[in-house]
Amino acid sequence: MCGIVGLFLKDKSLEPKLGEMLTEMLITMSDRGPDSAGIAVYGEDHEGFAKLTVQAADPAVFEGLAERLGAALDTTVESRVIDTHAVLTLPEDKLAEARAELKANHPAIRVMSAGEVIEIYKEVGLPGDVAKRFDIPHLTGTHGIGHTRMATESAVTTLGAHPFSTGADQCLVHNGSLSNHNSLRRKLAHEGITVETENDTEVAAAYLTWKMQEGASLGEALEAGLDDLDGFYTFVVGTKDGFGVLRDPIACKPAVMAETDQYVAFGSEYRALVNLPGIEDARVWEPEPATVYFWKH
């Protein structure tokens, strides 16, 4: 069943409250998916630097990680540990090298997201519990998306939780099911795009990554997905400066949007939006089937 939320801020004065607002929206959707939850937040851009958000079942592996990684890359790496996740900050030109080093020599660590501004936190458990573990209400940023999961396509694990990030500063959450994800998985592998889990949502995220690597904008990639992705789905997608929504041509999964001068908001149900500031004056609508909605800073 699953519940998804998204919030794209137009008003900078709301940025300190992004995590708080997203958390409240996602907790409202808890009964749509009780097994795992996650949130992606797009925060402040520090020119010349990038972030890797990583996860480990045993956080003890993070002790000394920044120093070891920095020595291997001949650079300085800073680390901020939050429960089972850590955010590693390093020079932008060392990002690919850092990912390769982690994969080769730190098999207990998994990359959740990589990019200049994105951070992803996800774990098994209810949204309220996950938000408390990672102190998500205190995160600041320009936009973000969240997901609470009812597992239907893969096991209840941290790696099976949403959001999925398969490209720099890109992530996706999904309510629905793809019927052709296995054939797409093989096609993407041929194109050099790696999918690490059994979850069909990661395949959808990887498909958008591939399209954008080929030169498409997020909006164009979503348009192409209408022809190439078979199944029923509602996607909410984030990029470094953008926020997009797409429903399949049948649009059987619930979705509602609201827009004011301060924000654009998405929820699987209207009740996820009711406590947003100024919602009583918002333009509220149900996104049309097979129609790309996209906003950019």
C-alpha atoms as a PDB file:
ATOM      1  CA  MET A   1       0.000   0.000   0.000  1.00  0.00           C
ATOM      2  CA  CYS A   2       2.697   2.514   1.104  1.00  0.00           C
ATOM      3  CA  GLY A   3       2.464   6.222   1.851  1.00  0.00           C
ATOM      4  CA  ILE A   4       4.537   8.947   0.230  1.00  0.00           C
ATOM      5  CA  VAL A   5       4.998  12.641   0.940  1.00  0.00           C
ATOM      6  CA  GLY A   6       6.979  15.484  -0.564  1.00  0.00           C
ATOM      7  CA  LEU A   7       7.587  19.135   0.164  1.00  0.00           C
ATOM      8  CA  PHE A   8       9.232  21.713  -2.122  1.00  0.00           C
ATOM      9  CA  LEU A   9       9.804  25.057  -0.416  1.00  0.00           C
ATOM     10  CA  LYS A  10       9.541  28.353  -2.269  1.00  0.00           C
ATOM     11  CA  ASP A  11       9.834  30.469   0.889  1.00  0.00           C
ATOM     12  CA  LYS A  12      13.337  30.391   2.429  1.00  0.00           C
ATOM     13  CA  SER A  13      11.926  31.280   5.841  1.00  0.00           C
ATOM     14  CA  LEU A  14      10.426  27.768   6.014  1.00  0.00           C
ATOM     15  CA  GLU A  15      13.726  25.979   5.375  1.00  0.00           C
ATOM     16  CA  PRO A  16      14.585  25.550   9.096  1.00  0.00           C
ATOM     17  CA  LYS A  17      11.247  23.724   9.486  1.00  0.00           C
ATOM     18  CA  LEU A  18      11.571  21.348   6.518  1.00  0.00           C
ATOM     19  CA  GLY A  19      12.436  18.274   8.590  1.00  0.00           C
ATOM     20  CA  GLU A  20       9.714  19.026  11.128  1.00  0.00           C
ATOM     21  CA  MET A  21       7.025  19.443   8.460  1.00  0.00           C
ATOM     22  CA  LEU A  22       8.079  16.349   6.491  1.00  0.00           C
ATOM     23  CA  THR A  23       8.163  14.253   9.654  1.00  0.00           C
ATOM     24  CA  GLU A  24       4.639  15.268  10.641  1.00  0.00           C
ATOM     25  CA  MET A  25       3.369  14.551   7.124  1.00  0.00           C
ATOM     26  CA  LEU A  26       4.992  11.114   7.065  1.00  0.00           C
ATOM     27  CA  ILE A  27       3.832  10.104  10.556  1.00  0.00           C
ATOM     28  CA  THR A  28       0.279  10.832   9.407  1.00  0.00           C
ATOM     29  CA  MET A  29       0.781   8.187   6.697  1.00  0.00           C
ATOM     30  CA  SER A  30       2.047   5.512   9.140  1.00  0.00           C
ATOM     31  CA  ASP A  31      -0.932   3.190   8.726  1.00  0.00           C
ATOM     32  CA  ARG A  32      -0.229   2.945   4.981  1.00  0.00           C
ATOM     33  CA  GLY A  33       3.089   1.197   5.649  1.00  0.00           C
ATOM     34  CA  PRO A  34       4.246  -0.001   9.062  1.00  0.00           C
ATOM     35  CA  ASP A  35       7.447  -1.894   8.251  1.00  0.00           C
ATOM     36  CA  SER A  36      10.031   0.740   7.279  1.00  0.00           C
ATOM     37  CA  ALA A  37      10.383   4.432   6.561  1.00  0.00           C
ATOM     38  CA  GLY A  38      12.790   6.944   5.122  1.00  0.00           C
ATOM     39  CA  ILE A  39      13.288  10.596   4.272  1.00  0.00           C
ATOM     40  CA  ALA A  40      15.555  12.392   1.796  1.00  0.00           C
ATOM     41  CA  VAL A  41      16.416  16.006   2.543  1.00  0.00           C
ATOM     42  CA  TYR A  42      18.131  18.501   0.267  1.00  0.00           C
ATOM     43  CA  GLY A  43      20.156  20.865   2.429  1.00  0.00           C
ATOM     44  CA  GLU A  44      22.822  23.546   2.161  1.00  0.00           C
ATOM     45  CA  ASP A  45      25.300  23.484  -0.723  1.00  0.00           C
ATOM     46  CA  HIS A  46      28.959  23.933   0.292  1.00  0.00           C
ATOM     47  CA  GLU A  47      30.799  24.723  -2.924  1.00  0.00           C
ATOM     48  CA  GLY A  48      33.554  22.244  -3.746  1.00  0.00           C
ATOM     49  CA  PHE A  49      32.366  19.616  -1.261  1.00  0.00           C
ATOM     50  CA  ALA A  50      30.096  16.577  -1.481  1.00  0.00           C
ATOM     51  CA  LYS A  51      28.380  14.235   0.951  1.00  0.00           C
ATOM     52  CA  LEU A  52      28.075  10.466   1.217  1.00  0.00           C
ATOM     53  CA  THR A  53      25.336   9.203   3.517  1.00  0.00           C
ATOM     54  CA  VAL A  54      26.238   5.654   4.515  1.00  0.00           C
ATOM     55  CA  GLN A  55      24.603   2.945   6.630  1.00  0.00           C
ATOM     56  CA  ALA A  56      25.842  -0.004   8.650  1.00  0.00           C
ATOM     57  CA  ALA A  57      24.029  -2.566  10.783  1.00  0.00           C
ATOM     58  CA  ASP A  58      26.683  -2.023  13.468  1.00  0.00           C
ATOM     59  CA  PRO A  59      27.554   1.677  13.867  1.00  0.00           C
ATOM     60  CA  ALA A  60      30.850   0.680  15.511  1.00  0.00           C
ATOM     61  CA  VAL A  61      32.327   0.360  12.010  1.00  0.00           C
ATOM     62  CA  PHE A  62      32.104   4.148  11.672  1.00  0.00           C
ATOM     63  CA  GLU A  63      34.731   4.659  14.390  1.00  0.00           C
ATOM     64  CA  GLY A  64      37.857   5.935  12.670  1.00  0.00           C
ATOM     65  CA  LEU A  65      36.237   5.616   9.226  1.00  0.00           C
ATOM     66  CA  ALA A  66      36.789   9.261   8.269  1.00  0.00           C
ATOM     67  CA  GLU A  67      40.494   9.020   9.084  1.00  0.00           C
ATOM     68  CA  ARG A  68      40.973   5.741   7.198  1.00  0.00           C
ATOM     69  CA  LEU A  69      39.043   6.980   4.191  1.00  0.00           C
ATOM     70  CA  GLY A  70      40.911  10.277   4.214  1.00  0.00           C
ATOM     71  CA  ALA A  71      44.253   8.474   4.295  1.00  0.00           C
ATOM     72  CA  ALA A  72      43.263   6.230   1.381  1.00  0.00           C
ATOM     73  CA  LEU A  73      42.143   9.243  -0.680  1.00  0.00           C
ATOM     74  CA  ASP A  74      44.915  11.607   0.493  1.00  0.00           C
ATOM     75  CA  THR A  75      42.378  14.187   1.621  1.00  0.00           C
ATOM     76  CA  THR A  76      40.373  15.292   4.648  1.00  0.00           C
ATOM     77  CA  VAL A  77      37.059  13.578   5.375  1.00  0.00           C
ATOM     78  CA  GLU A  78      34.647  14.733   8.067  1.00  0.00           C
ATOM     79  CA  SER A  79      32.081  12.396   9.622  1.00  0.00           C
ATOM     80  CA  ARG A  80      28.785  12.987  11.406  1.00  0.00           C
ATOM     81  CA  VAL A  81      27.363   9.747  12.889  1.00  0.00           C
ATOM     82  CA  ILE A  82      23.607   9.504  13.457  1.00  0.00           C
ATOM     83  CA  ASP A  83      22.518   6.098  14.798  1.00  0.00           C
ATOM     84  CA  THR A  84      23.097   3.521  12.000  1.00  0.00           C
ATOM     85  CA  HIS A  85      23.980   6.217   9.434  1.00  0.00           C
ATOM     86  CA  ALA A  86      26.923   8.534   8.963  1.00  0.00           C
ATOM     87  CA  VAL A  87      27.287  11.565   6.710  1.00  0.00           C
ATOM     88  CA  LEU A  88      30.774  11.818   5.246  1.00  0.00           C
ATOM     89  CA  THR A  89      31.815  15.216   3.858  1.00  0.00           C
ATOM     90  CA  LEU A  90      34.747  15.353   1.453  1.00  0.00           C
ATOM     91  CA  PRO A  91      36.022  17.256  -1.593  1.00  0.00           C
ATOM     92  CA  GLU A  92      33.630  16.901  -4.515  1.00  0.00           C
ATOM     93  CA  ASP A  93      36.333  15.601  -6.866  1.00  0.00           C
ATOM     94  CA  LYS A  94      36.982  12.688  -4.473  1.00  0.00           C
ATOM     95  CA  LEU A  95      33.383  11.427  -4.408  1.00  0.00           C
ATOM     96  CA  ALA A  96      33.675   8.646  -6.998  1.00  0.00           C
ATOM     97  CA  GLU A  97      36.988   7.516  -5.534  1.00  0.00           C
ATOM     98  CA  ALA A  98      35.455   7.396  -2.055  1.00  0.00           C
ATOM     99  CA  ARG A  99      32.571   5.225  -3.239  1.00  0.00           C
ATOM    100  CA  ALA A 100      35.022   2.812  -4.870  1.00  0.00           C
ATOM    101  CA  GLU A 101      37.129   2.662  -1.708  1.00  0.00           C
ATOM    102  CA  LEU A 102      34.098   1.912   0.467  1.00  0.00           C
ATOM    103  CA  LYS A 103      32.922  -0.827  -1.875  1.00  0.00           C
ATOM    104  CA  ALA A 104      36.343  -2.454  -2.086  1.00  0.00           C
ATOM    105  CA  ASN A 105      37.470  -2.282   1.536  1.00  0.00           C
ATOM    106  CA  HIS A 106      34.423  -1.652   3.731  1.00  0.00           C
ATOM    107  CA  PRO A 107      31.838  -4.321   2.793  1.00  0.00           C
ATOM    108  CA  ALA A 108      29.753  -3.735   5.937  1.00  0.00           C
ATOM    109  CA  ILE A 109      28.975  -0.164   4.828  1.00  0.00           C
ATOM    110  CA  ARG A 110      26.277   0.686   2.272  1.00  0.00           C
ATOM    111  CA  VAL A 111      25.883   4.003   0.489  1.00  0.00           C
ATOM    112  CA  MET A 112      22.405   5.503   0.940  1.00  0.00           C
ATOM    113  CA  SER A 113      22.999   8.657  -1.114  1.00  0.00           C
ATOM    114  CA  ALA A 114      25.740  10.717  -2.699  1.00  0.00           C
ATOM    115  CA  GLY A 115      25.830  14.289  -3.945  1.00  0.00           C
ATOM    116  CA  GLU A 116      26.374  17.903  -3.037  1.00  0.00           C
ATOM    117  CA  VAL A 117      23.263  18.445  -0.907  1.00  0.00           C
ATOM    118  CA  ILE A 118      21.258  15.219  -0.452  1.00  0.00           C
ATOM    119  CA  GLU A 119      21.058  13.156   2.742  1.00  0.00           C
ATOM    120  CA  ILE A 120      18.931   9.984   3.025  1.00  0.00           C
ATOM    121  CA  TYR A 121      17.963   8.316   6.286  1.00  0.00           C
ATOM    122  CA  LYS A 122      15.973   5.082   6.256  1.00  0.00           C
ATOM    123  CA  GLU A 123      15.472   2.108   8.538  1.00  0.00           C
ATOM    124  CA  VAL A 124      13.048  -0.628   9.501  1.00  0.00           C
ATOM    125  CA  GLY A 125      10.299   0.678  11.769  1.00  0.00           C
ATOM    126  CA  LEU A 126       7.446   3.161  11.966  1.00  0.00           C
ATOM    127  CA  PRO A 127       7.978   6.698  10.634  1.00  0.00           C
ATOM    128  CA  GLY A 128       7.835   8.232  14.092  1.00  0.00           C
ATOM    129  CA  ASP A 129      10.482   5.855  15.411  1.00  0.00           C
ATOM    130  CA  VAL A 130      12.746   6.327  12.388  1.00  0.00           C
ATOM    131  CA  ALA A 131      12.394  10.119  12.583  1.00  0.00           C
ATOM    132  CA  LYS A 132      13.310  10.077  16.284  1.00  0.00           C
ATOM    133  CA  ARG A 133      16.360   7.883  15.719  1.00  0.00           C
ATOM    134  CA  PHE A 134      17.806  10.277  13.142  1.00  0.00           C
ATOM    135  CA  ASP A 135      16.495  13.535  14.641  1.00  0.00           C
ATOM    136  CA  ILE A 136      14.848  14.278  11.306  1.00  0.00           C
ATOM    137  CA  PRO A 137      12.563  17.057  12.672  1.00  0.00           C
ATOM    138  CA  HIS A 138      15.666  19.212  13.151  1.00  0.00           C
ATOM    139  CA  LEU A 139      16.959  18.846   9.577  1.00  0.00           C
ATOM    140  CA  THR A 140      16.880  21.960   7.433  1.00  0.00           C
ATOM    141  CA  GLY A 141      16.710  22.241   3.667  1.00  0.00           C
ATOM    142  CA  THR A 142      14.989  23.415   0.515  1.00  0.00           C
ATOM    143  CA  HIS A 143      12.956  20.300  -0.315  1.00  0.00           C
ATOM    144  CA  GLY A 144      12.541  16.665   0.607  1.00  0.00           C
ATOM    145  CA  ILE A 145      10.537  13.482   0.116  1.00  0.00           C
ATOM    146  CA  GLY A 146       9.515  10.654   2.411  1.00  0.00           C
ATOM    147  CA  HIS A 147       8.075   7.132   2.315  1.00  0.00           C
ATOM    148  CA  THR A 148       6.500   4.674   4.720  1.00  0.00           C
ATOM    149  CA  ARG A 149       6.506   1.141   3.348  1.00  0.00           C
ATOM    150  CA  MET A 150       4.214  -1.848   3.123  1.00  0.00           C
ATOM    151  CA  ALA A 151       6.602  -4.432   1.662  1.00  0.00           C
ATOM    152  CA  THR A 152       5.190  -6.260  -1.346  1.00  0.00           C
ATOM    153  CA  GLU A 153       8.139  -6.615  -3.745  1.00  0.00           C
ATOM    154  CA  SER A 154      11.032  -7.456  -1.429  1.00  0.00           C
ATOM    155  CA  ALA A 155      12.033  -8.227   2.148  1.00  0.00           C
ATOM    156  CA  VAL A 156      11.573  -5.925   5.113  1.00  0.00           C
ATOM    157  CA  THR A 157      15.142  -4.624   5.350  1.00  0.00           C
ATOM    158  CA  THR A 158      16.912  -1.285   5.534  1.00  0.00           C
ATOM    159  CA  LEU A 159      18.100  -1.637   1.945  1.00  0.00           C
ATOM    160  CA  GLY A 160      14.561  -2.425   0.788  1.00  0.00           C
ATOM    161  CA  ALA A 161      13.228   0.786   2.318  1.00  0.00           C
ATOM    162  CA  HIS A 162      12.661   3.970   0.312  1.00  0.00           C
ATOM    163  CA  PRO A 163      13.894   6.500  -0.825  1.00  0.00           C
ATOM    164  CA  PHE A 164      16.216   5.029  -3.437  1.00  0.00           C
ATOM    165  CA  SER A 165      19.108   7.042  -4.799  1.00  0.00           C
ATOM    166  CA  THR A 166      20.891   5.828  -7.940  1.00  0.00           C
ATOM    167  CA  GLY A 167      22.414   9.106  -9.136  1.00  0.00           C
ATOM    168  CA  ALA A 168      24.101  12.122  -7.614  1.00  0.00           C
ATOM    169  CA  ASP A 169      21.566  14.235  -5.678  1.00  0.00           C
ATOM    170  CA  GLN A 170      18.708  12.155  -7.136  1.00  0.00           C
ATOM    171  CA  CYS A 171      16.161  10.035  -5.283  1.00  0.00           C
ATOM    172  CA  LEU A 172      12.728   8.495  -5.756  1.00  0.00           C
ATOM    173  CA  VAL A 173       9.841   7.158  -3.691  1.00  0.00           C
ATOM    174  CA  HIS A 174       7.108   5.004  -5.179  1.00  0.00           C
ATOM    175  CA  ASN A 175       3.641   3.763  -4.369  1.00  0.00           C
ATOM    176  CA  GLY A 176       2.622   0.902  -6.663  1.00  0.00           C
ATOM    177  CA  SER A 177       4.265  -1.934  -8.552  1.00  0.00           C
ATOM    178  CA  LEU A 178       6.170  -2.328 -11.824  1.00  0.00           C
ATOM    179  CA  SER A 179       5.521  -5.454 -13.880  1.00  0.00           C
ATOM    180  CA  ASN A 180       8.552  -5.152 -16.177  1.00  0.00           C
ATOM    181  CA  HIS A 181      11.241  -4.343 -13.619  1.00  0.00           C
ATOM    182  CA  ASN A 182      13.232  -7.526 -14.311  1.00  0.00           C
ATOM    183  CA  SER A 183      13.592  -6.808 -18.026  1.00  0.00           C
ATOM    184  CA  LEU A 184      14.440  -3.185 -17.217  1.00  0.00           C
ATOM    185  CA  ARG A 185      17.029  -4.377 -14.704  1.00  0.00           C
ATOM    186  CA  ARG A 186      18.788  -6.366 -17.453  1.00  0.00           C
ATOM    187  CA  LYS A 187      18.628  -3.420 -19.864  1.00  0.00           C
ATOM    188  CA  LEU A 188      20.074  -1.044 -17.282  1.00  0.00           C
ATOM    189  CA  ALA A 189      22.889  -3.480 -16.470  1.00  0.00           C
ATOM    190  CA  HIS A 190      23.777  -3.480 -20.179  1.00  0.00           C
ATOM    191  CA  GLU A 191      23.951   0.322 -19.977  1.00  0.00           C
ATOM    192  CA  GLY A 192      26.288   0.149 -16.964  1.00  0.00           C
ATOM    193  CA  ILE A 193      23.666   1.131 -14.347  1.00  0.00           C
ATOM    194  CA  THR A 194      23.863  -1.059 -11.230  1.00  0.00           C
ATOM    195  CA  VAL A 195      20.762  -2.004  -9.230  1.00  0.00           C
ATOM    196  CA  GLU A 196      21.696  -3.439  -5.832  1.00  0.00           C
ATOM    197  CA  THR A 197      18.383  -4.629  -4.355  1.00  0.00           C
ATOM    198  CA  GLU A 198      15.359  -6.649  -5.445  1.00  0.00           C
ATOM    199  CA  ASN A 199      13.061  -3.661  -5.026  1.00  0.00           C
ATOM    200  CA  ASP A 200      11.298  -2.525  -8.204  1.00  0.00           C
ATOM    201  CA  THR A 201      11.460   1.072  -7.000  1.00  0.00           C
ATOM    202  CA  GLU A 202      15.240   1.068  -7.261  1.00  0.00           C
ATOM    203  CA  VAL A 203      14.845  -0.042 -10.879  1.00  0.00           C
ATOM    204  CA  ALA A 204      12.585   2.960 -11.536  1.00  0.00           C
ATOM    205  CA  ALA A 205      15.126   5.281  -9.900  1.00  0.00           C
ATOM    206  CA  ALA A 206      17.936   3.763 -11.948  1.00  0.00           C
ATOM    207  CA  TYR A 207      15.899   4.170 -15.132  1.00  0.00           C
ATOM    208  CA  LEU A 208      15.553   7.922 -14.461  1.00  0.00           C
ATOM    209  CA  THR A 209      19.280   8.145 -13.675  1.00  0.00           C
ATOM    210  CA  TRP A 210      20.087   6.520 -17.007  1.00  0.00           C
ATOM    211  CA  LYS A 211      17.796   8.855 -18.921  1.00  0.00           C
ATOM    212  CA  MET A 212      19.309  11.920 -17.268  1.00  0.00           C
ATOM    213  CA  GLN A 213      22.831  10.651 -17.919  1.00  0.00           C
ATOM    214  CA  GLU A 214      21.789  10.483 -21.568  1.00  0.00           C
ATOM    215  CA  GLY A 215      20.971  14.185 -21.423  1.00  0.00           C
ATOM    216  CA  ALA A 216      17.286  14.278 -20.472  1.00  0.00           C
ATOM    217  CA  SER A 217      15.943  16.654 -17.849  1.00  0.00           C
ATOM    218  CA  LEU A 218      13.997  15.146 -14.951  1.00  0.00           C
ATOM    219  CA  GLY A 219      10.755  16.138 -16.658  1.00  0.00           C
ATOM    220  CA  GLU A 220      11.843  14.503 -19.930  1.00  0.00           C
ATOM    221  CA  ALA A 221      12.951  11.354 -18.094  1.00  0.00           C
ATOM    222  CA  LEU A 222       9.566  11.089 -16.396  1.00  0.00           C
ATOM    223  CA  GLU A 223       7.827  11.565 -19.761  1.00  0.00           C
ATOM    224  CA  ALA A 224       9.890   8.745 -21.256  1.00  0.00           C
ATOM    225  CA  GLY A 225       8.917   6.521 -18.345  1.00  0.00           C
ATOM    226  CA  LEU A 226       5.296   6.629 -19.464  1.00  0.00           C
ATOM    227  CA  ASP A 227       6.322   4.489 -22.454  1.00  0.00           C
ATOM    228  CA  ASP A 228       8.993   2.345 -20.811  1.00  0.00           C
ATOM    229  CA  LEU A 229       7.667   1.619 -17.298  1.00  0.00           C
ATOM    230  CA  ASP A 230       4.831  -0.899 -17.201  1.00  0.00           C
ATOM    231  CA  GLY A 231       2.661  -1.168 -14.105  1.00  0.00           C
ATOM    232  CA  PHE A 232       0.820   1.098 -11.726  1.00  0.00           C
ATOM    233  CA  TYR A 233       2.745   3.770  -9.883  1.00  0.00           C
ATOM    234  CA  THR A 234       2.917   7.184  -8.333  1.00  0.00           C
ATOM    235  CA  PHE A 235       6.448   8.601  -8.252  1.00  0.00           C
ATOM    236  CA  VAL A 236       7.784  11.545  -6.293  1.00  0.00           C
ATOM    237  CA  VAL A 237      11.315  12.413  -7.359  1.00  0.00           C
ATOM    238  CA  GLY A 238      13.945  14.797  -6.064  1.00  0.00           C
ATOM    239  CA  THR A 239      17.039  16.261  -7.716  1.00  0.00           C
ATOM    240  CA  LYS A 240      19.506  18.867  -6.452  1.00  0.00           C
ATOM    241  CA  ASP A 241      17.187  21.729  -7.345  1.00  0.00           C
ATOM    242  CA  GLY A 242      14.022  20.002  -8.570  1.00  0.00           C
ATOM    243  CA  PHE A 243      10.922  18.134  -7.461  1.00  0.00           C
ATOM    244  CA  GLY A 244       8.725  16.026  -9.749  1.00  0.00           C
ATOM    245  CA  VAL A 245       5.547  13.937  -9.560  1.00  0.00           C
ATOM    246  CA  LEU A 246       4.190  11.374 -12.025  1.00  0.00           C
ATOM    247  CA  ARG A 247       1.237   8.960 -11.957  1.00  0.00           C
ATOM    248  CA  ASP A 248       0.752   6.119 -14.435  1.00  0.00           C
ATOM    249  CA  PRO A 249      -1.959   6.390 -17.139  1.00  0.00           C
ATOM    250  CA  ILE A 250      -4.529   4.569 -14.974  1.00  0.00           C
ATOM    251  CA  ALA A 251      -3.636   6.417 -11.752  1.00  0.00           C
ATOM    252  CA  CYS A 252      -5.175   3.913  -9.365  1.00  0.00           C
ATOM    253  CA  LYS A 253      -2.907   4.874  -6.449  1.00  0.00           C
ATOM    254  CA  PRO A 254      -4.154   7.788  -4.328  1.00  0.00           C
ATOM    255  CA  ALA A 255      -2.424  11.156  -4.574  1.00  0.00           C
ATOM    256  CA  VAL A 256      -3.131  14.778  -3.718  1.00  0.00           C
ATOM    257  CA  MET A 257      -1.140  17.988  -4.161  1.00  0.00           C
ATOM    258  CA  ALA A 258      -1.287  21.501  -2.754  1.00  0.00           C
ATOM    259  CA  GLU A 259       0.464  24.697  -3.810  1.00  0.00           C
ATOM    260  CA  THR A 260       0.804  28.111  -2.178  1.00  0.00           C
ATOM    261  CA  ASP A 261       3.244  30.990  -2.558  1.00  0.00           C
ATOM    262  CA  GLN A 262       5.361  29.255   0.110  1.00  0.00           C
ATOM    263  CA  TYR A 263       5.515  25.620  -1.010  1.00  0.00           C
ATOM    264  CA  VAL A 264       4.373  22.722  -3.159  1.00  0.00           C
ATOM    265  CA  ALA A 265       3.287  19.646  -1.197  1.00  0.00           C
ATOM    266  CA  PHE A 266       2.419  16.055  -2.075  1.00  0.00           C
ATOM    267  CA  GLY A 267       0.691  13.374  -0.005  1.00  0.00           C
ATOM    268  CA  SER A 268      -0.825   9.972  -0.651  1.00  0.00           C
ATOM    269  CA  GLU A 269      -3.846  11.344   1.171  1.00  0.00           C
ATOM    270  CA  TYR A 270      -5.035  14.869   1.963  1.00  0.00           C
ATOM    271  CA  ARG A 271      -4.734  14.282   5.700  1.00  0.00           C
ATOM    272  CA  ALA A 272      -0.919  14.374   5.276  1.00  0.00           C
ATOM    273  CA  LEU A 273      -1.214  18.042   4.261  1.00  0.00           C
ATOM    274  CA  VAL A 274      -3.767  19.420   6.706  1.00  0.00           C
ATOM    275  CA  ASN A 275      -1.277  20.923   9.185  1.00  0.00           C
ATOM    276  CA  LEU A 276       0.874  22.751   6.634  1.00  0.00           C
ATOM    277  CA  PRO A 277       0.897  26.543   7.019  1.00  0.00           C
ATOM    278  CA  GLY A 278      -1.670  28.291   4.845  1.00  0.00           C
ATOM    279  CA  ILE A 279      -3.205  25.029   3.618  1.00  0.00           C
ATOM    280  CA  GLU A 280      -6.681  26.560   3.916  1.00  0.00           C
ATOM    281  CA  ASP A 281      -5.777  28.962   1.094  1.00  0.00           C
ATOM    282  CA  ALA A 282      -3.816  26.482  -1.046  1.00  0.00           C
ATOM    283  CA  ARG A 283      -4.738  25.319  -4.504  1.00  0.00           C
ATOM    284  CA  VAL A 284      -5.450  21.635  -3.873  1.00  0.00           C
ATOM    285  CA  TRP A 285      -5.848  19.066  -6.662  1.00  0.00           C
ATOM    286  CA  GLU A 286      -5.428  15.433  -7.586  1.00  0.00           C
ATOM    287  CA  PRO A 287      -2.583  15.043 -10.094  1.00  0.00           C
ATOM    288  CA  GLU A 288      -3.807  13.939 -13.508  1.00  0.00           C
ATOM    289  CA  PRO A 289      -2.867  10.517 -14.919  1.00  0.00           C
ATOM    290  CA  ALA A 290       0.169  10.361 -17.236  1.00  0.00           C
ATOM    291  CA  THR A 291       1.031  13.993 -16.506  1.00  0.00           C
ATOM    292  CA  VAL A 292       4.439  15.206 -15.364  1.00  0.00           C
ATOM    293  CA  TYR A 293       4.459  17.870 -12.640  1.00  0.00           C
ATOM    294  CA  PHE A 294       7.814  19.513 -12.055  1.00  0.00           C
ATOM    295  CA  TRP A 295       9.153  22.443 -10.031  1.00  0.00           C
ATOM    296  CA  LYS A 296      12.696  23.803  -9.947  1.00  0.00           C
ATOM    297  CA  HIS A 297      14.556  26.318  -7.800  1.00  0.00           C
END
